Every structure is written in C-alpha cells, then in structure tokens.
Amino acid sequence: MKDEIIIDLNKFRTPEAKVFTGRDRGVTVRGKSEIDKLENEYKKIIIIIPSDLYSINPSFFEEFLYNVVKKLGKDEFNKRFEFINAGEYEHQEDLEEGIKRILRRTNAL
C-alpha cells in the first residue's frame, strides 16, 4: 500500500462555484475522484477544500464519502482521511453530519 495521495476538490467543482451541494454532485465527485479505488491503494488520503469555498452540504459529503465510511467505519475513516482547508469555511460540522447520515443508513440496512 502506498503512503498518501491528495484529492483536490478544486478539480471537481464548477468554475467559480462557491459551494458543493447535493447528493448527485457527491456521487459525481466520488466517481471522478476515484476515492473508492484510492482508499484501497493508499494508507492516507488528504482532501483539499478550496480556500474560497463558502459551504459543503452534508448531503454532498454523505454521497461523496459513502462507500469509504461504510467500509472503514468512523474511527478508521478519521485515521486515514485528512481534510485541509485554508479558507474560512468551517467544514467539520457538515462533515460530521454527513458521516452520521452514512452510518445511520448503513445500520438501518
């Protein structure tokens, strides 16, 4: 397994967009970023949040991270995934809500 890789969300946003929102967008970015494949190949995955972003909705996080959180669980996910955000947007609450939704969906099945 390789050490680490960076996923820069800036590569997956609509030009000039200031938010990542919605389940459909999360599914699209999950596929284009190949996050599920990368999780199998790297010990650590660093996700860069664009510095000029205003918001990432929990529904985006929920779909973007669904497979990796479902597979790893919250604790292992938090050990292996790091979010770097140089901007002012505080992403942690929305990320936690997205993870909580994934785990709730997984446990309900």
N, C-alpha and C. Protein backbone atom coordinates (compact mmCIF):
# COMPACT_ATOMS: atom_id res chain seq x y z
N MET A 1 0.85 -1.18 0.00
CA MET A 1 0.00 0.00 0.00
C MET A 1 0.90 1.24 0.00
N LYS A 2 0.59 2.19 -0.86
CA LYS A 2 1.36 3.43 -0.95
C LYS A 2 1.01 4.34 0.23
N ASP A 3 1.89 5.31 0.49
CA ASP A 3 1.72 6.16 1.68
C ASP A 3 0.51 7.09 1.62
N GLU A 4 0.53 8.08 0.71
CA GLU A 4 -0.57 9.05 0.71
C GLU A 4 -0.80 9.63 -0.66
N ILE A 5 -2.01 10.16 -0.82
CA ILE A 5 -2.41 10.83 -2.06
C ILE A 5 -3.30 12.01 -1.68
N ILE A 6 -3.33 12.99 -2.57
CA ILE A 6 -4.15 14.19 -2.35
C ILE A 6 -5.29 14.21 -3.37
N ILE A 7 -6.49 14.46 -2.87
CA ILE A 7 -7.64 14.74 -3.72
C ILE A 7 -7.96 16.21 -3.53
N ASP A 8 -7.79 16.99 -4.57
CA ASP A 8 -8.07 18.43 -4.52
C ASP A 8 -9.47 18.67 -5.07
N LEU A 9 -10.40 19.04 -4.21
CA LEU A 9 -11.78 19.25 -4.64
C LEU A 9 -11.91 20.37 -5.66
N ASN A 10 -10.94 21.24 -5.74
CA ASN A 10 -10.97 22.31 -6.74
C ASN A 10 -11.07 21.74 -8.16
N LYS A 11 -10.51 20.56 -8.37
CA LYS A 11 -10.53 19.93 -9.70
C LYS A 11 -11.92 19.45 -10.08
N PHE A 12 -12.83 19.36 -9.12
CA PHE A 12 -14.13 18.77 -9.37
C PHE A 12 -15.30 19.74 -9.23
N ARG A 13 -14.99 21.02 -9.10
CA ARG A 13 -16.09 21.97 -8.96
C ARG A 13 -16.35 22.70 -10.26
N THR A 14 -17.56 23.19 -10.36
CA THR A 14 -17.94 24.02 -11.49
C THR A 14 -17.16 25.32 -11.37
N PRO A 15 -16.58 25.82 -12.48
CA PRO A 15 -15.81 27.06 -12.38
C PRO A 15 -16.58 28.16 -11.66
N GLU A 16 -15.90 28.81 -10.75
CA GLU A 16 -16.43 29.93 -9.97
C GLU A 16 -17.45 29.50 -8.91
N ALA A 17 -17.80 28.24 -8.82
CA ALA A 17 -18.76 27.79 -7.80
C ALA A 17 -18.15 27.96 -6.42
N LYS A 18 -18.97 28.33 -5.48
CA LYS A 18 -18.52 28.57 -4.10
C LYS A 18 -19.05 27.54 -3.12
N VAL A 19 -19.83 26.56 -3.63
CA VAL A 19 -20.39 25.52 -2.76
C VAL A 19 -20.32 24.16 -3.46
N PHE A 20 -20.27 23.12 -2.64
CA PHE A 20 -20.51 21.76 -3.10
C PHE A 20 -21.81 21.35 -2.42
N THR A 21 -22.80 20.99 -3.21
CA THR A 21 -24.10 20.70 -2.63
C THR A 21 -24.77 19.56 -3.37
N GLY A 22 -25.55 18.79 -2.65
CA GLY A 22 -26.41 17.79 -3.23
C GLY A 22 -25.82 16.41 -3.38
N ARG A 23 -26.70 15.45 -3.29
CA ARG A 23 -26.32 14.05 -3.42
C ARG A 23 -25.76 13.74 -4.80
N ASP A 24 -26.42 14.25 -5.84
CA ASP A 24 -25.97 13.96 -7.20
C ASP A 24 -24.54 14.44 -7.42
N ARG A 25 -24.24 15.61 -6.92
CA ARG A 25 -22.87 16.15 -7.06
C ARG A 25 -21.88 15.28 -6.28
N GLY A 26 -22.28 14.83 -5.11
CA GLY A 26 -21.42 13.95 -4.32
C GLY A 26 -21.12 12.65 -5.05
N VAL A 27 -22.14 12.07 -5.68
CA VAL A 27 -21.94 10.83 -6.45
C VAL A 27 -21.00 11.09 -7.62
N THR A 28 -21.19 12.21 -8.30
CA THR A 28 -20.34 12.55 -9.45
C THR A 28 -18.88 12.70 -9.03
N VAL A 29 -18.64 13.44 -7.95
CA VAL A 29 -17.27 13.66 -7.50
C VAL A 29 -16.67 12.36 -6.95
N ARG A 30 -17.48 11.53 -6.32
CA ARG A 30 -16.98 10.23 -5.87
C ARG A 30 -16.43 9.44 -7.06
N GLY A 31 -17.17 9.41 -8.14
CA GLY A 31 -16.73 8.68 -9.33
C GLY A 31 -15.52 9.29 -10.00
N LYS A 32 -15.56 10.59 -10.22
CA LYS A 32 -14.46 11.26 -10.92
C LYS A 32 -13.17 11.27 -10.12
N SER A 33 -13.28 11.35 -8.80
CA SER A 33 -12.08 11.39 -7.96
C SER A 33 -11.49 9.99 -7.75
N GLU A 34 -12.31 8.98 -8.00
CA GLU A 34 -11.92 7.58 -7.77
C GLU A 34 -11.56 7.31 -6.31
N ILE A 35 -12.24 7.98 -5.40
CA ILE A 35 -11.93 7.88 -3.98
C ILE A 35 -12.02 6.45 -3.47
N ASP A 36 -12.97 5.67 -3.97
CA ASP A 36 -13.13 4.29 -3.51
C ASP A 36 -11.91 3.45 -3.89
N LYS A 37 -11.43 3.63 -5.09
CA LYS A 37 -10.24 2.91 -5.56
C LYS A 37 -9.00 3.37 -4.78
N LEU A 38 -8.88 4.68 -4.60
CA LEU A 38 -7.71 5.23 -3.90
C LEU A 38 -7.64 4.75 -2.46
N GLU A 39 -8.79 4.58 -1.83
CA GLU A 39 -8.82 4.10 -0.44
C GLU A 39 -8.17 2.73 -0.32
N ASN A 40 -8.29 1.92 -1.36
CA ASN A 40 -7.69 0.58 -1.35
C ASN A 40 -6.18 0.61 -1.60
N GLU A 41 -5.69 1.71 -2.18
CA GLU A 41 -4.30 1.78 -2.60
C GLU A 41 -3.40 2.62 -1.70
N TYR A 42 -3.98 3.49 -0.87
CA TYR A 42 -3.20 4.43 -0.07
C TYR A 42 -3.56 4.33 1.41
N LYS A 43 -2.54 4.51 2.24
CA LYS A 43 -2.74 4.50 3.69
C LYS A 43 -3.44 5.76 4.17
N LYS A 44 -3.13 6.88 3.52
CA LYS A 44 -3.69 8.18 3.92
C LYS A 44 -4.19 8.91 2.68
N ILE A 45 -5.36 9.51 2.81
CA ILE A 45 -5.93 10.31 1.73
C ILE A 45 -6.19 11.70 2.29
N ILE A 46 -5.58 12.67 1.64
CA ILE A 46 -5.72 14.07 2.04
C ILE A 46 -6.68 14.74 1.06
N ILE A 47 -7.71 15.36 1.59
CA ILE A 47 -8.70 16.04 0.76
C ILE A 47 -8.55 17.53 0.98
N ILE A 48 -8.25 18.23 -0.10
CA ILE A 48 -8.06 19.68 -0.06
C ILE A 48 -9.38 20.37 -0.38
N ILE A 49 -9.82 21.21 0.52
CA ILE A 49 -11.02 22.02 0.31
C ILE A 49 -10.58 23.38 -0.21
N PRO A 50 -11.12 23.81 -1.37
CA PRO A 50 -10.71 25.10 -1.92
C PRO A 50 -10.88 26.23 -0.91
N SER A 51 -9.91 27.12 -0.88
CA SER A 51 -9.88 28.19 0.14
C SER A 51 -11.01 29.20 -0.02
N ASP A 52 -11.58 29.31 -1.21
CA ASP A 52 -12.64 30.30 -1.44
C ASP A 52 -14.03 29.68 -1.41
N LEU A 53 -14.15 28.49 -0.87
CA LEU A 53 -15.45 27.82 -0.78
C LEU A 53 -16.24 28.38 0.40
N TYR A 54 -17.55 28.52 0.23
CA TYR A 54 -18.42 29.00 1.29
C TYR A 54 -19.06 27.86 2.07
N SER A 55 -19.30 26.72 1.38
CA SER A 55 -20.05 25.65 2.04
C SER A 55 -19.89 24.32 1.30
N ILE A 56 -19.94 23.25 2.07
CA ILE A 56 -20.10 21.91 1.54
C ILE A 56 -21.24 21.30 2.35
N ASN A 57 -22.34 21.00 1.68
CA ASN A 57 -23.50 20.49 2.38
C ASN A 57 -23.28 19.06 2.85
N PRO A 58 -23.88 18.68 3.98
CA PRO A 58 -23.78 17.30 4.46
C PRO A 58 -24.21 16.28 3.41
N SER A 59 -25.20 16.62 2.59
CA SER A 59 -25.67 15.68 1.56
C SER A 59 -24.57 15.40 0.53
N PHE A 60 -23.74 16.39 0.22
CA PHE A 60 -22.59 16.16 -0.67
C PHE A 60 -21.60 15.21 0.00
N PHE A 61 -21.21 15.53 1.24
CA PHE A 61 -20.29 14.67 1.97
C PHE A 61 -20.83 13.24 2.07
N GLU A 62 -22.13 13.13 2.34
CA GLU A 62 -22.75 11.82 2.51
C GLU A 62 -22.54 10.94 1.28
N GLU A 63 -22.78 11.47 0.12
CA GLU A 63 -22.64 10.67 -1.10
C GLU A 63 -21.19 10.55 -1.55
N PHE A 64 -20.42 11.59 -1.41
CA PHE A 64 -19.00 11.57 -1.80
C PHE A 64 -18.24 10.52 -0.99
N LEU A 65 -18.50 10.44 0.29
CA LEU A 65 -17.75 9.58 1.20
C LEU A 65 -18.46 8.28 1.56
N TYR A 66 -19.62 8.03 0.98
CA TYR A 66 -20.47 6.92 1.41
C TYR A 66 -19.73 5.59 1.49
N ASN A 67 -19.12 5.16 0.41
CA ASN A 67 -18.50 3.83 0.38
C ASN A 67 -17.32 3.69 1.33
N VAL A 68 -16.51 4.73 1.44
CA VAL A 68 -15.32 4.62 2.30
C VAL A 68 -15.70 4.65 3.78
N VAL A 69 -16.68 5.46 4.15
CA VAL A 69 -17.11 5.49 5.55
C VAL A 69 -17.83 4.18 5.89
N LYS A 70 -18.65 3.70 4.97
CA LYS A 70 -19.36 2.44 5.18
C LYS A 70 -18.37 1.29 5.38
N LYS A 71 -17.32 1.28 4.60
CA LYS A 71 -16.32 0.22 4.68
C LYS A 71 -15.45 0.33 5.93
N LEU A 72 -14.97 1.54 6.22
CA LEU A 72 -13.98 1.73 7.28
C LEU A 72 -14.58 1.98 8.66
N GLY A 73 -15.77 2.53 8.70
CA GLY A 73 -16.32 2.98 9.98
C GLY A 73 -15.74 4.34 10.32
N LYS A 74 -16.33 5.01 11.28
CA LYS A 74 -15.94 6.38 11.60
C LYS A 74 -14.50 6.50 12.10
N ASP A 75 -14.10 5.66 13.03
CA ASP A 75 -12.77 5.80 13.63
C ASP A 75 -11.65 5.57 12.61
N GLU A 76 -11.76 4.50 11.85
CA GLU A 76 -10.72 4.21 10.85
C GLU A 76 -10.73 5.26 9.74
N PHE A 77 -11.92 5.72 9.36
CA PHE A 77 -12.03 6.79 8.36
C PHE A 77 -11.27 8.02 8.86
N ASN A 78 -11.51 8.41 10.11
CA ASN A 78 -10.85 9.60 10.65
C ASN A 78 -9.33 9.45 10.76
N LYS A 79 -8.86 8.22 10.93
CA LYS A 79 -7.41 7.98 10.97
C LYS A 79 -6.78 8.10 9.58
N ARG A 80 -7.51 7.68 8.56
CA ARG A 80 -6.93 7.59 7.22
C ARG A 80 -7.23 8.78 6.32
N PHE A 81 -8.23 9.56 6.65
CA PHE A 81 -8.61 10.70 5.81
C PHE A 81 -8.36 12.00 6.57
N GLU A 82 -7.72 12.94 5.87
CA GLU A 82 -7.42 14.24 6.45
C GLU A 82 -7.99 15.31 5.52
N PHE A 83 -8.66 16.28 6.09
CA PHE A 83 -9.22 17.39 5.32
C PHE A 83 -8.41 18.64 5.61
N ILE A 84 -7.93 19.27 4.56
CA ILE A 84 -7.16 20.51 4.71
C ILE A 84 -7.96 21.63 4.07
N ASN A 85 -8.17 22.67 4.85
CA ASN A 85 -8.98 23.79 4.40
C ASN A 85 -8.28 25.08 4.82
N ALA A 86 -7.74 25.80 3.83
CA ALA A 86 -7.03 27.04 4.11
C ALA A 86 -7.98 28.24 4.18
N GLY A 87 -9.24 28.00 3.83
CA GLY A 87 -10.21 29.10 3.81
C GLY A 87 -10.90 29.29 5.15
N GLU A 88 -11.89 30.14 5.16
CA GLU A 88 -12.61 30.48 6.39
C GLU A 88 -13.78 29.54 6.67
N TYR A 89 -14.24 28.82 5.67
CA TYR A 89 -15.37 27.92 5.85
C TYR A 89 -15.01 26.81 6.83
N GLU A 90 -15.83 26.65 7.86
CA GLU A 90 -15.64 25.61 8.87
C GLU A 90 -16.40 24.37 8.41
N HIS A 91 -15.69 23.40 7.88
CA HIS A 91 -16.31 22.23 7.27
C HIS A 91 -16.64 21.10 8.26
N GLN A 92 -16.08 21.13 9.45
CA GLN A 92 -16.14 19.99 10.35
C GLN A 92 -17.57 19.58 10.72
N GLU A 93 -18.42 20.53 11.01
CA GLU A 93 -19.79 20.21 11.40
C GLU A 93 -20.55 19.53 10.26
N ASP A 94 -20.40 20.05 9.05
CA ASP A 94 -21.08 19.46 7.89
C ASP A 94 -20.51 18.07 7.57
N LEU A 95 -19.21 17.91 7.72
CA LEU A 95 -18.58 16.61 7.52
C LEU A 95 -19.11 15.60 8.53
N GLU A 96 -19.15 15.98 9.80
CA GLU A 96 -19.66 15.08 10.84
C GLU A 96 -21.10 14.69 10.59
N GLU A 97 -21.91 15.63 10.14
CA GLU A 97 -23.31 15.33 9.84
C GLU A 97 -23.40 14.34 8.68
N GLY A 98 -22.58 14.53 7.64
CA GLY A 98 -22.56 13.59 6.52
C GLY A 98 -22.17 12.20 6.97
N ILE A 99 -21.16 12.09 7.81
CA ILE A 99 -20.71 10.79 8.32
C ILE A 99 -21.82 10.15 9.16
N LYS A 100 -22.46 10.94 10.00
CA LYS A 100 -23.55 10.44 10.84
C LYS A 100 -24.67 9.87 9.97
N ARG A 101 -25.00 10.55 8.89
CA ARG A 101 -26.05 10.06 7.98
C ARG A 101 -25.66 8.74 7.32
N ILE A 102 -24.40 8.64 6.91
CA ILE A 102 -23.91 7.40 6.29
C ILE A 102 -24.05 6.25 7.27
N LEU A 103 -23.60 6.45 8.48
CA LEU A 103 -23.65 5.38 9.49
C LEU A 103 -25.08 5.02 9.84
N ARG A 104 -25.96 5.99 9.86
CA ARG A 104 -27.38 5.73 10.13
C ARG A 104 -27.97 4.90 9.00
N ARG A 105 -27.66 5.22 7.74
CA ARG A 105 -28.14 4.46 6.59
C ARG A 105 -27.59 3.04 6.62
N THR A 106 -26.30 2.92 6.95
CA THR A 106 -25.64 1.61 6.97
C THR A 106 -26.24 0.72 8.05
N ASN A 107 -26.47 1.28 9.22
CA ASN A 107 -27.02 0.49 10.33
C ASN A 107 -28.49 0.13 10.13
N ALA A 108 -29.18 0.91 9.33
CA ALA A 108 -30.61 0.66 9.11
C ALA A 108 -30.83 -0.47 8.12
N LEU A 109 -29.81 -0.85 7.38
CA LEU A 109 -29.99 -1.89 6.35
C LEU A 109 -30.07 -3.27 6.91
